[in-house]
Protein backbone atom coordinates (compact mmCIF):
# COMPACT_ATOMS: atom_id res chain seq x y z
CA UNK A 1 -14.69 -23.30 -20.99
CA UNK A 2 -12.28 -21.33 -18.83
CA UNK A 3 -10.41 -18.05 -18.60
CA UNK A 4 -6.71 -17.31 -18.39
CA UNK A 5 -5.72 -13.87 -17.11
CA UNK A 6 -2.40 -12.34 -18.02
CA UNK A 7 -0.84 -8.89 -18.22
CA UNK A 8 -0.18 -7.65 -21.74
CA UNK A 9 3.06 -5.69 -22.08
CA UNK A 10 1.04 -2.68 -23.29
CA UNK A 11 -0.82 -2.45 -19.99
CA UNK A 12 1.76 -3.64 -17.51
CA UNK A 13 5.20 -2.71 -18.79
CA UNK A 14 4.58 1.01 -19.15
CA UNK A 15 3.71 0.79 -22.83
CA UNK A 16 6.26 -1.76 -24.01
CA UNK A 17 8.91 -0.77 -26.52
CA UNK A 18 12.20 0.17 -24.87
CA UNK A 19 10.98 -0.37 -21.30
CA UNK A 20 13.48 -2.25 -19.16
CA UNK A 21 12.22 -5.31 -17.34
CA UNK A 22 13.18 -6.94 -14.06
CA UNK A 23 15.99 -7.48 -13.02
CA UNK A 24 17.15 -4.31 -14.83
CA UNK A 25 14.10 -2.26 -13.82
CA UNK A 26 10.81 -2.69 -11.94
CA UNK A 27 8.54 -3.91 -14.75
CA UNK A 28 7.18 -7.47 -14.75
CA UNK A 29 9.22 -9.81 -17.00
CA UNK A 30 7.43 -11.92 -19.63
CA UNK A 31 7.67 -14.96 -17.31
CA UNK A 32 6.09 -13.09 -14.36
CA UNK A 33 2.53 -13.70 -13.25
CA UNK A 34 0.48 -10.75 -12.01
CA UNK A 35 -1.82 -11.84 -9.21
CA UNK A 36 -5.08 -10.90 -10.90
CA UNK A 37 -8.37 -12.63 -10.24
CA UNK A 38 -11.99 -12.88 -11.32
CA UNK A 39 -13.07 -13.03 -7.66
CA UNK A 40 -15.77 -10.39 -7.04
CA UNK A 41 -16.19 -10.77 -3.30
CA UNK A 42 -14.33 -9.56 -0.25
CA UNK A 43 -13.22 -11.83 2.55
CA UNK A 44 -14.80 -15.18 3.37
CA UNK A 45 -17.76 -15.75 1.06
CA UNK A 46 -19.26 -18.28 3.45
CA UNK A 47 -19.64 -15.53 6.09
CA UNK A 48 -20.46 -12.30 4.22
CA UNK A 49 -20.72 -9.34 6.60
CA UNK A 50 -19.73 -11.19 9.76
CA UNK A 51 -16.51 -12.72 11.16
CA UNK A 52 -15.58 -16.26 10.24
CA UNK A 53 -13.10 -16.62 13.07
CA UNK A 54 -15.09 -18.82 15.41
CA UNK A 55 -15.36 -22.58 15.15
CA UNK A 56 -18.95 -23.47 14.43
CA UNK A 57 -19.99 -19.96 13.35
CA UNK A 58 -22.92 -19.62 10.98
CA UNK A 59 -21.83 -20.15 7.36
CA UNK A 60 -23.42 -20.24 3.92
CA UNK A 61 -23.26 -23.60 2.21
CA UNK A 62 -21.20 -24.02 -0.96
CA UNK A 63 -24.46 -23.96 -2.98
CA UNK A 64 -25.49 -20.66 -1.35
CA UNK A 65 -22.07 -19.15 -2.12
CA UNK A 66 -22.38 -20.20 -5.77
CA UNK A 67 -25.94 -18.81 -6.03
CA UNK A 68 -24.73 -15.45 -4.63
CA UNK A 69 -22.70 -15.08 -7.82
CA UNK A 70 -19.45 -13.79 -6.28
CA UNK A 71 -17.25 -16.63 -7.52
CA UNK A 72 -16.64 -17.74 -11.08
CA UNK A 73 -18.38 -20.89 -12.26
CA UNK A 74 -15.66 -21.65 -14.79
CA UNK A 75 -11.96 -22.30 -14.12
CA UNK A 76 -9.79 -19.18 -14.05
CA UNK A 77 -6.03 -18.98 -13.77
CA UNK A 78 -3.52 -16.10 -13.79
CA UNK A 79 -0.66 -16.92 -16.20
CA UNK A 80 2.47 -15.15 -17.43
CA UNK A 81 2.43 -12.77 -20.38
CA UNK A 82 4.71 -15.15 -22.30
CA UNK A 83 2.23 -18.01 -21.78
CA UNK A 84 -0.70 -15.73 -22.69
CA UNK A 85 0.98 -14.77 -25.96
CA UNK A 86 1.59 -18.44 -26.78
CA UNK A 87 -2.10 -19.21 -26.25
CA UNK A 88 -3.03 -16.24 -28.46
CA UNK A 89 -1.05 -17.80 -31.30
CA UNK A 90 -3.39 -20.84 -31.15
CA UNK A 91 -6.62 -18.84 -31.33
CA UNK A 92 -8.29 -18.41 -34.72
CA UNK A 93 -11.34 -16.51 -35.83
CA UNK A 94 -12.10 -12.86 -36.37
CA UNK A 95 -9.46 -10.26 -35.46
CA UNK A 96 -10.48 -8.33 -32.32
CA UNK A 97 -11.09 -4.56 -32.39
CA UNK A 98 -8.04 -2.26 -32.28
CA UNK A 99 -8.56 -1.24 -28.63
CA UNK A 100 -8.46 -4.93 -27.67
CA UNK A 101 -5.10 -5.49 -29.37
CA UNK A 102 -1.97 -5.88 -27.27
CA UNK A 103 1.51 -4.41 -27.47
CA UNK A 104 2.93 -3.79 -30.95
CA UNK A 105 5.11 -6.91 -30.59
CA UNK A 106 2.27 -9.12 -29.30
CA UNK A 107 0.47 -11.69 -31.45
CA UNK A 108 -2.79 -10.58 -33.08
CA UNK A 109 -5.71 -10.86 -30.65
CA UNK A 110 -8.54 -12.89 -32.19
CA UNK A 111 -12.01 -13.84 -30.97
CA UNK A 112 -12.07 -17.68 -31.04
CA UNK A 113 -12.37 -20.44 -31.57
CA UNK A 114 -9.46 -21.49 -29.43
CA UNK A 115 -7.71 -24.78 -28.79
CA UNK A 116 -9.85 -27.89 -28.46
CA UNK A 117 -10.27 -29.91 -25.28
CA UNK A 118 -7.55 -32.30 -26.47
CA UNK A 119 -4.95 -29.51 -26.16
CA UNK A 120 -6.05 -28.07 -22.78
CA UNK A 121 -7.10 -29.76 -19.58
CA UNK A 122 -8.02 -28.62 -16.07
CA UNK A 123 -7.36 -30.81 -13.05
CA UNK A 124 -7.81 -28.49 -10.06
CA UNK A 125 -10.81 -28.56 -7.76
CA UNK A 126 -12.57 -25.93 -5.70
CA UNK A 127 -12.18 -26.36 -1.96
CA UNK A 128 -13.18 -24.42 1.11
CA UNK A 129 -10.36 -24.48 3.65
CA UNK A 130 -9.15 -22.69 6.76
CA UNK A 131 -6.32 -20.16 6.58
CA UNK A 132 -4.22 -18.97 9.51
CA UNK A 133 -3.54 -15.40 10.63
CA UNK A 134 -0.83 -14.43 13.10
CA UNK A 135 -2.20 -12.01 15.69
CA UNK A 136 -0.28 -10.34 18.52
CA UNK A 137 -2.00 -8.38 21.31
CA UNK A 138 -0.33 -5.69 23.36
CA UNK A 139 -2.52 -4.40 26.17
CA UNK A 140 -2.16 -0.65 26.73
CA UNK A 141 -1.38 0.73 30.17
CA UNK A 142 -3.25 4.04 29.83
CA UNK A 143 -6.28 3.00 27.74
CA UNK A 144 -6.45 -0.84 27.69
CA UNK A 145 -10.00 -0.81 26.30
CA UNK A 146 -8.94 0.96 23.06
CA UNK A 147 -7.37 -0.80 20.07
CA UNK A 148 -4.79 0.07 17.43
CA UNK A 149 -4.68 -2.46 14.62
CA UNK A 150 -1.56 -2.78 12.46
CA UNK A 151 -1.00 -5.34 9.76
CA UNK A 152 0.66 -6.32 6.54
CA UNK A 153 0.64 -9.13 4.06
CA UNK A 154 3.53 -11.58 3.91
CA UNK A 155 3.41 -12.41 0.21
CA UNK A 156 4.84 -10.35 -2.63
CA UNK A 157 2.54 -9.83 -5.61
CA UNK A 158 4.20 -7.22 -7.77
CA UNK A 159 7.71 -5.93 -7.16
CA UNK A 160 9.16 -9.05 -5.54
CA UNK A 161 10.29 -8.79 -1.92
CA UNK A 162 9.79 -5.01 -1.98
CA UNK A 163 5.99 -5.29 -2.26
CA UNK A 164 4.97 -5.87 1.39
CA UNK A 165 7.68 -3.70 2.94
CA UNK A 166 5.64 -0.55 3.54
CA UNK A 167 3.65 -2.63 6.04
CA UNK A 168 6.84 -4.17 7.41
CA UNK A 169 8.36 -0.72 7.98
CA UNK A 170 5.25 0.53 9.80
CA UNK A 171 5.21 -2.52 12.09
CA UNK A 172 8.92 -2.29 12.87
CA UNK A 173 8.56 1.41 13.79
CA UNK A 174 6.34 0.42 16.71
CA UNK A 175 8.88 -0.66 19.35
CA UNK A 176 6.69 -3.21 21.20
CA UNK A 177 6.17 -5.11 17.95
CA UNK A 178 9.92 -5.83 17.66
CA UNK A 179 9.46 -8.76 20.04
CA UNK A 180 6.09 -9.86 18.63
CA UNK A 181 6.68 -9.60 14.89
CA UNK A 182 6.68 -13.04 13.25
CA UNK A 183 8.57 -13.86 10.06
């Protein structure tokens, strides 16, 4: 058992039909993958409510994280709309309700059964690993004990390279960050 998440044209491309897609407009092309998730938590699930920045800090075990119920217990994977529509063509069974149906050009949404294990396989594994954050500190001259925190994400989830640029613009407006900003 597993779940694949994809954006139907009806929900993501402004209603489908004559909508122009990237690179001719801003809407996600059929090959694009929207960065959705079934993750319910926020931050590091091994340290809920406290920082996980210190080596040796108190952490929940993997079993405790699973028991908390904030992570899926089945494989989940965001896929493109084109791949989602191909999978829909394989699924048999009862036709889903009208409000569950996709764009007018999408395959009919049905409620299982789907492809057998022989057609699909899953080879990934769940791991807990360390990620890195880049942090720059500029000590103030007038009020060094007060903090201003600025940040942005480096990846681009939706509109390509444009996505993180509101954060980039804010950081570049602060003159001291010109020398500390890391690409």
